[in-house]
Protein backbone atom coordinates (compact mmCIF):
# COMPACT_ATOMS: atom_id res chain seq x y z
CA UNK A 1 113.06 81.30 96.77
CA UNK A 2 116.38 81.65 98.78
CA UNK A 3 116.57 84.31 101.37
CA UNK A 4 118.24 86.72 98.81
CA UNK A 5 116.07 85.80 95.89
CA UNK A 6 113.53 88.57 94.82
CA UNK A 7 110.59 88.00 92.57
CA UNK A 8 112.19 89.69 89.59
CA UNK A 9 114.84 86.86 89.86
CA UNK A 10 111.98 84.66 88.11
CA UNK A 11 111.62 87.28 85.15
CA UNK A 12 115.28 87.91 84.69
CA UNK A 13 116.41 84.65 82.97
CA UNK A 14 113.91 85.15 80.23
CA UNK A 15 115.44 88.59 79.63
CA UNK A 16 118.73 87.39 79.57
CA UNK A 17 117.90 84.57 77.23
CA UNK A 18 116.28 87.22 74.95
CA UNK A 19 113.48 84.79 74.34
CA UNK A 20 109.96 86.35 74.44
CA UNK A 21 111.40 89.74 75.58
CA UNK A 22 110.01 91.44 72.39
CA UNK A 23 106.49 90.98 73.66
CA UNK A 24 107.20 92.08 77.31
CA UNK A 25 108.02 95.46 78.76
CA UNK A 26 111.45 95.71 80.68
CA UNK A 27 112.04 93.21 83.28
CA UNK A 28 111.66 95.83 86.04
CA UNK A 29 108.52 97.29 84.60
CA UNK A 30 106.85 93.82 84.07
CA UNK A 31 108.00 93.06 87.96
CA UNK A 32 106.26 96.30 89.00
CA UNK A 33 103.10 95.50 87.00
CA UNK A 34 102.97 92.13 88.51
CA UNK A 35 103.52 93.35 92.21
CA UNK A 36 100.44 95.64 91.56
CA UNK A 37 98.27 92.94 90.54
CA UNK A 38 99.64 90.80 93.67
CA UNK A 39 98.70 93.65 95.94
CA UNK A 40 95.25 94.46 94.53
CA UNK A 41 92.46 94.20 97.05
CA UNK A 42 90.94 91.69 94.64
CA UNK A 43 93.29 89.58 92.29
CA UNK A 44 92.19 89.61 88.79
CA UNK A 45 92.10 86.36 86.94
CA UNK A 46 95.26 85.87 84.70
CA UNK A 47 93.15 86.27 81.49
CA UNK A 48 92.57 89.77 82.52
CA UNK A 49 95.94 90.93 83.77
CA UNK A 50 98.33 88.89 81.51
CA UNK A 51 97.47 90.96 78.23
CA UNK A 52 98.47 94.12 80.14
CA UNK A 53 101.95 93.08 79.85
CA UNK A 54 101.83 92.20 76.17
CA UNK A 55 103.75 94.82 74.24
CA UNK A 56 103.43 93.70 70.79
CA UNK A 57 100.11 91.78 69.62
CA UNK A 58 101.19 91.56 66.14
CA UNK A 59 104.05 88.98 67.44
CA UNK A 60 102.94 85.51 66.44
CA UNK A 61 103.74 83.39 69.37
CA UNK A 62 103.38 79.48 69.04
CA UNK A 63 101.38 77.50 72.02
CA UNK A 64 104.72 76.63 73.52
CA UNK A 65 105.81 80.10 73.80
CA UNK A 66 102.48 81.23 75.28
CA UNK A 67 102.48 78.43 77.83
CA UNK A 68 106.13 79.18 78.79
CA UNK A 69 105.30 82.88 79.29
CA UNK A 70 102.08 82.21 81.32
CA UNK A 71 104.11 80.05 83.58
CA UNK A 72 106.89 82.69 84.23
CA UNK A 73 104.33 85.34 84.94
CA UNK A 74 102.36 83.06 87.26
CA UNK A 75 105.41 82.16 89.17
CA UNK A 76 106.35 85.76 89.41
CA UNK A 77 102.89 86.59 90.91
CA UNK A 78 103.25 83.62 93.27
CA UNK A 79 106.60 84.89 94.41
CA UNK A 80 105.21 88.30 95.20
CA UNK A 81 102.41 86.81 97.05
CA UNK A 82 104.75 84.62 99.21
CA UNK A 83 107.05 87.73 100.01
CA UNK A 84 103.91 89.49 101.12
CA UNK A 85 102.97 86.70 103.50
CA UNK A 86 106.27 86.17 104.85
CA UNK A 87 107.05 89.77 104.95
CA UNK A 88 110.25 89.49 102.98
CA UNK A 89 111.74 92.08 100.61
CA UNK A 90 109.89 92.01 97.20
CA UNK A 91 111.23 95.14 95.43
CA UNK A 92 114.43 94.37 92.98
CA UNK A 93 117.56 95.10 94.87
CA UNK A 94 118.25 97.80 92.51
CA UNK A 95 115.22 99.82 93.56
CA UNK A 96 116.31 99.63 97.26
CA UNK A 97 118.09 102.84 98.55
CA UNK A 98 121.63 102.36 99.59
CA UNK A 99 124.20 105.03 101.13
CA UNK A 100 126.18 104.79 97.99
CA UNK A 101 123.29 106.35 96.17
CA UNK A 102 123.44 109.59 98.18
CA UNK A 103 126.59 110.84 96.09
CA UNK A 104 124.56 110.73 92.89
CA UNK A 105 123.56 113.93 91.48
CA UNK A 106 119.99 114.59 92.73
CA UNK A 107 118.56 115.11 89.33
CA UNK A 108 119.54 111.56 88.44
CA UNK A 109 119.28 109.87 91.59
CA UNK A 110 116.48 107.76 90.98
CA UNK A 111 117.70 104.86 88.91
CA UNK A 112 115.92 103.98 85.63
CA UNK A 113 115.17 100.51 87.08
CA UNK A 114 113.16 102.01 89.99
CA UNK A 115 111.35 104.44 87.51
CA UNK A 116 110.30 101.49 85.44
CA UNK A 117 109.19 99.53 88.35
CA UNK A 118 107.11 102.19 89.62
CA UNK A 119 105.71 103.11 86.09
CA UNK A 120 104.57 99.42 85.95
CA UNK A 121 102.89 99.33 89.47
CA UNK A 122 101.00 102.63 88.70
CA UNK A 123 99.98 101.33 85.36
CA UNK A 124 98.12 98.42 86.70
CA UNK A 125 96.75 100.29 89.66
CA UNK A 126 95.17 102.50 87.08
CA UNK A 127 93.78 99.44 85.48
CA UNK A 128 92.51 98.30 88.82
CA UNK A 129 91.11 101.52 90.23
CA UNK A 130 87.48 100.31 90.12
CA UNK A 131 88.58 97.08 92.34
CA UNK A 132 90.09 99.60 95.06
CA UNK A 133 87.13 102.09 94.82
CA UNK A 134 84.61 99.25 95.28
CA UNK A 135 86.70 97.59 98.01
CA UNK A 136 86.66 100.87 100.28
CA UNK A 137 83.26 101.78 99.54
CA UNK A 138 82.08 98.31 101.11
CA UNK A 139 84.60 98.87 103.90
CA UNK A 140 83.38 102.17 104.53
CA UNK A 141 79.84 100.71 104.69
CA UNK A 142 80.91 98.30 107.36
CA UNK A 143 82.71 100.89 109.34
CA UNK A 144 79.83 103.14 109.31
CA UNK A 145 78.18 100.73 111.84
CA UNK A 146 81.39 101.08 114.16
CA UNK A 147 81.87 103.60 116.64
CA UNK A 148 85.50 102.95 117.33
CA UNK A 149 86.99 103.81 113.86
CA UNK A 150 89.30 106.52 113.76
CA UNK A 151 88.55 108.70 110.76
CA UNK A 152 91.90 110.70 110.83
CA UNK A 153 93.69 108.47 108.44
CA UNK A 154 91.11 106.97 105.86
CA UNK A 155 92.16 104.43 103.40
CA UNK A 156 91.72 107.25 100.72
CA UNK A 157 94.41 109.48 102.37
CA UNK A 158 96.73 106.55 102.88
CA UNK A 159 96.54 105.35 99.25
CA UNK A 160 96.86 109.07 97.96
CA UNK A 161 100.07 109.29 99.91
CA UNK A 162 101.25 106.26 98.37
CA UNK A 163 100.42 107.12 94.83
CA UNK A 164 101.77 110.47 95.25
CA UNK A 165 105.33 109.11 96.18
CA UNK A 166 105.21 106.44 93.45
CA UNK A 167 104.37 109.07 90.87
CA UNK A 168 106.93 111.45 91.71
CA UNK A 169 109.75 108.98 91.99
CA UNK A 170 108.48 107.15 88.74
CA UNK A 171 109.08 110.49 86.75
CA UNK A 172 111.36 112.88 88.73
CA UNK A 173 111.90 115.23 85.68
CA UNK A 174 107.99 115.62 85.34
CA UNK A 175 107.72 116.33 88.90
CA UNK A 176 110.17 118.79 88.74
CA UNK A 177 108.57 120.77 85.75
CA UNK A 178 105.26 121.11 87.79
CA UNK A 179 107.21 122.92 90.56
CA UNK A 180 108.63 126.47 90.91
CA UNK A 181 112.38 126.91 91.11
CA UNK A 182 112.35 126.83 95.05
CA UNK A 183 110.01 123.73 95.27
CA UNK A 184 112.03 121.93 92.52
CA UNK A 185 115.28 122.44 94.47
CA UNK A 186 113.38 121.27 97.50
CA UNK A 187 112.20 118.09 95.80
CA UNK A 188 116.02 117.61 94.62
CA UNK A 189 117.23 117.96 97.94
CA UNK A 190 114.79 115.74 99.37
CA UNK A 191 114.84 112.88 96.88
CA UNK A 192 117.20 110.49 98.89
CA UNK A 193 114.76 110.99 102.03
CA UNK A 194 111.81 109.91 99.69
CA UNK A 195 113.44 107.12 98.15
CA UNK A 196 114.18 105.93 101.74
CA UNK A 197 110.37 105.97 102.55
CA UNK A 198 109.64 104.02 99.63
CA UNK A 199 109.61 100.40 101.32
CA UNK A 200 107.39 101.90 104.08
CA UNK A 201 105.13 102.98 101.73
CA UNK A 202 105.09 99.90 99.52
CA UNK A 203 104.33 98.07 102.73
CA UNK A 204 101.44 100.32 103.49
CA UNK A 205 100.23 99.78 100.03
CA UNK A 206 100.15 96.12 100.59
CA UNK A 207 98.51 96.66 104.17
CA UNK A 208 95.88 98.72 102.74
CA UNK A 209 94.92 96.20 100.04
CA UNK A 210 94.85 93.63 102.79
CA UNK A 211 92.58 95.61 104.95
CA UNK A 212 90.31 96.63 101.82
CA UNK A 213 90.25 92.82 100.81
CA UNK A 214 88.42 92.06 103.86
CA UNK A 215 85.35 93.72 102.49
CA UNK A 216 85.34 91.64 99.34
CA UNK A 217 84.90 87.87 98.64
CA UNK A 218 88.16 85.89 99.75
CA UNK A 219 89.96 84.64 96.64
CA UNK A 220 93.63 85.39 98.00
CA UNK A 221 94.39 81.61 98.31
CA UNK A 222 93.70 80.90 94.80
CA UNK A 223 97.00 82.16 93.63
CA UNK A 224 99.08 81.13 96.51
CA UNK A 225 98.88 77.40 95.62
CA UNK A 226 101.51 76.08 93.36
CA UNK A 227 99.07 73.85 91.22
């Protein structure tokens, strides 16, 4: 990928051509889903996560289409992993806050593309909850043997912070419904601030997965190779 390329750039041509898009969610939701696969403490095998992206099981795909779709999805996964390794931006540029967004009405300040990306992330995280749980249970067992661990900011607390922000920005209208008038207004006023915090939270989500993966069998390299 070039300096300005993002993982979603691998998916977008498929959607622009219109081919295979009837079996996939939106490009942004699909990219968010594959990001969450890449960021898992233990990356599931393709035969486990690829079906999560298939929207229409009734569609008859020929073998050539299936192979082409699998290649695109795997290339997107590799791109996310490479961005994580190189510490390069991996969110679609439309999902990144810019000062021009500050002039938008608060209720609609979060673009649909960002909401879709986070919706995809959250969906896959839900599918992989057991993986996250097992990872930090094993990590906790290791940490219990150490006396230099600071328990003030546990993996559970960090993950909870990340997921709370992702959930809020994924569906602002729903978040507003769960608040009283004063709280709702405060959320509206703080949306730009919360959006600005998103890249740091995404990075903490990635860092946390990396720390937790140390407690699991190491299979990370399997998916970074370009075989």
